[in-house]
Amino acid sequence: MTFLTIFLVLVGINVALVAVSLISVSQKSKTSAQKLSKKPTSVIYPLDLLTTSYKKAV
């Protein structure tokens, strides 16, 4: 086998793996979007960073 043959085989395998990955991601995004629409929203509380007091280290 020449270098070019090995290179083309590896490129072909890479293209196949990328295609399978993209297909699975698109299927997961459809199902997760449906799950998110059914999930109730949670309350996010603000952080109180301005009134924090620090003790002197030394």
PDB file of N, CA and C in Angstrom:
ATOM      1  N   MET A   1       0.842  -1.181   0.000  1.00  0.00           N
ATOM      2  CA  MET A   1       0.000   0.000   0.000  1.00  0.00           C
ATOM      3  C   MET A   1       0.888   1.245   0.000  1.00  0.00           C
ATOM      4  N   THR A   2       0.484   2.184  -0.771  1.00  0.00           N
ATOM      5  CA  THR A   2       1.248   3.424  -0.824  1.00  0.00           C
ATOM      6  C   THR A   2       0.731   4.394   0.228  1.00  0.00           C
ATOM      7  N   PHE A   3       1.489   5.445   0.409  1.00  0.00           N
ATOM      8  CA  PHE A   3       1.090   6.473   1.373  1.00  0.00           C
ATOM      9  C   PHE A   3      -0.250   7.077   0.985  1.00  0.00           C
ATOM     10  N   LEU A   4      -0.456   7.309  -0.304  1.00  0.00           N
ATOM     11  CA  LEU A   4      -1.698   7.936  -0.764  1.00  0.00           C
ATOM     12  C   LEU A   4      -2.905   7.047  -0.471  1.00  0.00           C
ATOM     13  N   THR A   5      -2.762   5.744  -0.639  1.00  0.00           N
ATOM     14  CA  THR A   5      -3.870   4.829  -0.366  1.00  0.00           C
ATOM     15  C   THR A   5      -4.231   4.838   1.119  1.00  0.00           C
ATOM     16  N   ILE A   6      -3.214   4.756   1.963  1.00  0.00           N
ATOM     17  CA  ILE A   6      -3.461   4.784   3.404  1.00  0.00           C
ATOM     18  C   ILE A   6      -4.087   6.113   3.809  1.00  0.00           C
ATOM     19  N   PHE A   7      -3.595   7.202   3.241  1.00  0.00           N
ATOM     20  CA  PHE A   7      -4.133   8.530   3.549  1.00  0.00           C
ATOM     21  C   PHE A   7      -5.600   8.631   3.144  1.00  0.00           C
ATOM     22  N   LEU A   8      -5.948   8.154   1.955  1.00  0.00           N
ATOM     23  CA  LEU A   8      -7.333   8.235   1.490  1.00  0.00           C
ATOM     24  C   LEU A   8      -8.261   7.354   2.330  1.00  0.00           C
ATOM     25  N   VAL A   9      -7.777   6.200   2.772  1.00  0.00           N
ATOM     26  CA  VAL A   9      -8.592   5.346   3.635  1.00  0.00           C
ATOM     27  C   VAL A   9      -8.863   6.048   4.964  1.00  0.00           C
ATOM     28  N   LEU A  10      -7.844   6.664   5.538  1.00  0.00           N
ATOM     29  CA  LEU A  10      -8.028   7.374   6.804  1.00  0.00           C
ATOM     30  C   LEU A  10      -8.951   8.581   6.650  1.00  0.00           C
ATOM     31  N   VAL A  11      -8.847   9.295   5.545  1.00  0.00           N
ATOM     32  CA  VAL A  11      -9.746  10.431   5.297  1.00  0.00           C
ATOM     33  C   VAL A  11     -11.180   9.938   5.152  1.00  0.00           C
ATOM     34  N   GLY A  12     -11.376   8.814   4.466  1.00  0.00           N
ATOM     35  CA  GLY A  12     -12.716   8.246   4.314  1.00  0.00           C
ATOM     36  C   GLY A  12     -13.324   7.846   5.648  1.00  0.00           C
ATOM     37  N   ILE A  13     -12.514   7.230   6.507  1.00  0.00           N
ATOM     38  CA  ILE A  13     -12.993   6.855   7.839  1.00  0.00           C
ATOM     39  C   ILE A  13     -13.353   8.098   8.641  1.00  0.00           C
ATOM     40  N   ASN A  14     -12.546   9.137   8.524  1.00  0.00           N
ATOM     41  CA  ASN A  14     -12.797  10.387   9.242  1.00  0.00           C
ATOM     42  C   ASN A  14     -14.108  11.023   8.783  1.00  0.00           C
ATOM     43  N   VAL A  15     -14.347  11.037   7.486  1.00  0.00           N
ATOM     44  CA  VAL A  15     -15.587  11.611   6.951  1.00  0.00           C
ATOM     45  C   VAL A  15     -16.791  10.822   7.462  1.00  0.00           C
ATOM     46  N   ALA A  16     -16.671   9.501   7.503  1.00  0.00           N
ATOM     47  CA  ALA A  16     -17.779   8.678   7.988  1.00  0.00           C
ATOM     48  C   ALA A  16     -18.062   8.957   9.463  1.00  0.00           C
ATOM     49  N   LEU A  17     -17.020   9.086  10.270  1.00  0.00           N
ATOM     50  CA  LEU A  17     -17.217   9.367  11.694  1.00  0.00           C
ATOM     51  C   LEU A  17     -17.836  10.743  11.924  1.00  0.00           C
ATOM     52  N   VAL A  18     -17.427  11.731  11.147  1.00  0.00           N
ATOM     53  CA  VAL A  18     -18.004  13.075  11.281  1.00  0.00           C
ATOM     54  C   VAL A  18     -19.477  13.055  10.897  1.00  0.00           C
ATOM     55  N   ALA A  19     -19.823  12.326   9.830  1.00  0.00           N
ATOM     56  CA  ALA A  19     -21.218  12.254   9.399  1.00  0.00           C
ATOM     57  C   ALA A  19     -22.083  11.596  10.470  1.00  0.00           C
ATOM     58  N   VAL A  20     -21.610  10.499  11.050  1.00  0.00           N
ATOM     59  CA  VAL A  20     -22.369   9.817  12.102  1.00  0.00           C
ATOM     60  C   VAL A  20     -22.522  10.721  13.319  1.00  0.00           C
ATOM     61  N   SER A  21     -21.474  11.445  13.657  1.00  0.00           N
ATOM     62  CA  SER A  21     -21.527  12.343  14.807  1.00  0.00           C
ATOM     63  C   SER A  21     -22.540  13.459  14.584  1.00  0.00           C
ATOM     64  N   LEU A  22     -22.536  14.053  13.407  1.00  0.00           N
ATOM     65  CA  LEU A  22     -23.473  15.140  13.123  1.00  0.00           C
ATOM     66  C   LEU A  22     -24.913  14.650  13.120  1.00  0.00           C
ATOM     67  N   ILE A  23     -25.147  13.459  12.623  1.00  0.00           N
ATOM     68  CA  ILE A  23     -26.503  12.910  12.610  1.00  0.00           C
ATOM     69  C   ILE A  23     -26.991  12.670  14.038  1.00  0.00           C
ATOM     70  N   SER A  24     -26.125  12.116  14.888  1.00  0.00           N
ATOM     71  CA  SER A  24     -26.548  11.842  16.261  1.00  0.00           C
ATOM     72  C   SER A  24     -26.774  13.124  17.052  1.00  0.00           C
ATOM     73  N   VAL A  25     -25.988  14.164  16.785  1.00  0.00           N
ATOM     74  CA  VAL A  25     -26.170  15.440  17.488  1.00  0.00           C
ATOM     75  C   VAL A  25     -27.489  16.079  17.090  1.00  0.00           C
ATOM     76  N   SER A  26     -27.842  16.016  15.816  1.00  0.00           N
ATOM     77  CA  SER A  26     -29.097  16.632  15.387  1.00  0.00           C
ATOM     78  C   SER A  26     -30.293  15.897  15.976  1.00  0.00           C
ATOM     79  N   GLN A  27     -30.192  14.583  16.139  1.00  0.00           N
ATOM     80  CA  GLN A  27     -31.291  13.832  16.747  1.00  0.00           C
ATOM     81  C   GLN A  27     -31.407  14.151  18.231  1.00  0.00           C
ATOM     82  N   LYS A  28     -30.285  14.308  18.919  1.00  0.00           N
ATOM     83  CA  LYS A  28     -30.315  14.624  20.346  1.00  0.00           C
ATOM     84  C   LYS A  28     -30.867  16.021  20.587  1.00  0.00           C
ATOM     85  N   SER A  29     -30.572  16.966  19.694  1.00  0.00           N
ATOM     86  CA  SER A  29     -31.053  18.328  19.896  1.00  0.00           C
ATOM     87  C   SER A  29     -32.567  18.401  19.753  1.00  0.00           C
ATOM     88  N   LYS A  30     -33.130  17.583  18.879  1.00  0.00           N
ATOM     89  CA  LYS A  30     -34.581  17.574  18.726  1.00  0.00           C
ATOM     90  C   LYS A  30     -35.257  17.039  19.981  1.00  0.00           C
ATOM     91  N   THR A  31     -34.710  15.959  20.545  1.00  0.00           N
ATOM     92  CA  THR A  31     -35.338  15.381  21.734  1.00  0.00           C
ATOM     93  C   THR A  31     -35.115  16.253  22.957  1.00  0.00           C
ATOM     94  N   SER A  32     -33.952  16.891  23.073  1.00  0.00           N
ATOM     95  CA  SER A  32     -33.712  17.736  24.240  1.00  0.00           C
ATOM     96  C   SER A  32     -34.563  19.000  24.187  1.00  0.00           C
ATOM     97  N   ALA A  33     -34.841  19.507  22.995  1.00  0.00           N
ATOM     98  CA  ALA A  33     -35.703  20.680  22.884  1.00  0.00           C
ATOM     99  C   ALA A  33     -37.120  20.348  23.338  1.00  0.00           C
ATOM    100  N   GLN A  34     -37.572  19.147  23.046  1.00  0.00           N
ATOM    101  CA  GLN A  34     -38.898  18.735  23.494  1.00  0.00           C
ATOM    102  C   GLN A  34     -38.926  18.562  25.008  1.00  0.00           C
ATOM    103  N   LYS A  35     -37.847  18.030  25.584  1.00  0.00           N
ATOM    104  CA  LYS A  35     -37.796  17.845  27.033  1.00  0.00           C
ATOM    105  C   LYS A  35     -37.744  19.186  27.751  1.00  0.00           C
ATOM    106  N   LEU A  36     -37.028  20.154  27.185  1.00  0.00           N
ATOM    107  CA  LEU A  36     -36.921  21.460  27.820  1.00  0.00           C
ATOM    108  C   LEU A  36     -38.252  22.193  27.826  1.00  0.00           C
ATOM    109  N   SER A  37     -39.059  22.009  26.778  1.00  0.00           N
ATOM    110  CA  SER A  37     -40.340  22.699  26.734  1.00  0.00           C
ATOM    111  C   SER A  37     -41.302  22.139  27.780  1.00  0.00           C
ATOM    112  N   LYS A  38     -41.132  20.883  28.169  1.00  0.00           N
ATOM    113  CA  LYS A  38     -42.004  20.277  29.174  1.00  0.00           C
ATOM    114  C   LYS A  38     -41.532  20.561  30.596  1.00  0.00           C
ATOM    115  N   LYS A  39     -40.268  20.903  30.774  1.00  0.00           N
ATOM    116  CA  LYS A  39     -39.693  21.094  32.103  1.00  0.00           C
ATOM    117  C   LYS A  39     -40.123  22.451  32.671  1.00  0.00           C
ATOM    118  N   PRO A  40     -40.590  22.494  33.922  1.00  0.00           N
ATOM    119  CA  PRO A  40     -40.984  23.785  34.512  1.00  0.00           C
ATOM    120  C   PRO A  40     -39.756  24.659  34.780  1.00  0.00           C
ATOM    121  N   THR A  41     -39.966  25.952  34.739  1.00  0.00           N
ATOM    122  CA  THR A  41     -38.857  26.876  34.960  1.00  0.00           C
ATOM    123  C   THR A  41     -38.561  26.988  36.444  1.00  0.00           C
ATOM    124  N   SER A  42     -37.291  27.169  36.776  1.00  0.00           N
ATOM    125  CA  SER A  42     -36.899  27.306  38.176  1.00  0.00           C
ATOM    126  C   SER A  42     -36.572  28.766  38.464  1.00  0.00           C
ATOM    127  N   VAL A  43     -36.710  29.136  39.713  1.00  0.00           N
ATOM    128  CA  VAL A  43     -36.458  30.507  40.137  1.00  0.00           C
ATOM    129  C   VAL A  43     -34.965  30.679  40.378  1.00  0.00           C
ATOM    130  N   ILE A  44     -34.393  31.747  39.845  1.00  0.00           N
ATOM    131  CA  ILE A  44     -32.979  32.053  40.040  1.00  0.00           C
ATOM    132  C   ILE A  44     -32.896  33.256  40.967  1.00  0.00           C
ATOM    133  N   TYR A  45     -32.210  33.072  42.083  1.00  0.00           N
ATOM    134  CA  TYR A  45     -32.084  34.136  43.063  1.00  0.00           C
ATOM    135  C   TYR A  45     -30.808  34.928  42.813  1.00  0.00           C
ATOM    136  N   PRO A  46     -30.848  36.259  42.932  1.00  0.00           N
ATOM    137  CA  PRO A  46     -29.643  37.064  42.695  1.00  0.00           C
ATOM    138  C   PRO A  46     -28.646  36.914  43.838  1.00  0.00           C
ATOM    139  N   LEU A  47     -27.372  37.053  43.515  1.00  0.00           N
ATOM    140  CA  LEU A  47     -26.324  37.000  44.533  1.00  0.00           C
ATOM    141  C   LEU A  47     -26.181  38.368  45.188  1.00  0.00           C
ATOM    142  N   ASP A  48     -25.948  38.369  46.471  1.00  0.00           N
ATOM    143  CA  ASP A  48     -25.778  39.612  47.211  1.00  0.00           C
ATOM    144  C   ASP A  48     -24.285  39.838  47.423  1.00  0.00           C
ATOM    145  N   LEU A  49     -23.607  40.349  46.410  1.00  0.00           N
ATOM    146  CA  LEU A  49     -22.157  40.504  46.467  1.00  0.00           C
ATOM    147  C   LEU A  49     -21.725  41.843  47.064  1.00  0.00           C
ATOM    148  N   LEU A  50     -22.586  42.841  47.062  1.00  0.00           N
ATOM    149  CA  LEU A  50     -22.175  44.175  47.495  1.00  0.00           C
ATOM    150  C   LEU A  50     -22.092  44.302  49.008  1.00  0.00           C
ATOM    151  N   THR A  51     -22.861  43.527  49.750  1.00  0.00           N
ATOM    152  CA  THR A  51     -22.872  43.664  51.206  1.00  0.00           C
ATOM    153  C   THR A  51     -21.951  42.660  51.893  1.00  0.00           C
ATOM    154  N   THR A  52     -21.061  42.053  51.165  1.00  0.00           N
ATOM    155  CA  THR A  52     -20.150  41.073  51.759  1.00  0.00           C
ATOM    156  C   THR A  52     -19.051  41.782  52.528  1.00  0.00           C
ATOM    157  N   SER A  53     -18.795  41.318  53.743  1.00  0.00           N
ATOM    158  CA  SER A  53     -17.705  41.900  54.536  1.00  0.00           C
ATOM    159  C   SER A  53     -16.610  40.856  54.701  1.00  0.00           C
ATOM    160  N   TYR A  54     -15.364  41.294  54.612  1.00  0.00           N
ATOM    161  CA  TYR A  54     -14.220  40.400  54.702  1.00  0.00           C
ATOM    162  C   TYR A  54     -13.466  40.653  56.000  1.00  0.00           C
ATOM    163  N   LYS A  55     -12.917  39.595  56.581  1.00  0.00           N
ATOM    164  CA  LYS A  55     -12.087  39.728  57.772  1.00  0.00           C
ATOM    165  C   LYS A  55     -10.640  39.910  57.347  1.00  0.00           C
ATOM    166  N   LYS A  56      -9.890  40.601  58.160  1.00  0.00           N
ATOM    167  CA  LYS A  56      -8.485  40.835  57.867  1.00  0.00           C
ATOM    168  C   LYS A  56      -7.715  39.528  58.055  1.00  0.00           C
ATOM    169  N   ALA A  57      -6.852  39.186  57.103  1.00  0.00           N
ATOM    170  CA  ALA A  57      -6.136  37.913  57.141  1.00  0.00           C
ATOM    171  C   ALA A  57      -5.031  37.920  58.178  1.00  0.00           C
ATOM    172  N   VAL A  58      -4.337  39.041  58.323  1.00  0.00           N
ATOM    173  CA  VAL A  58      -3.197  39.093  59.252  1.00  0.00           C
ATOM    174  C   VAL A  58      -3.430  40.170  60.285  1.00  0.00           C
TER     175      VAL A  58
END
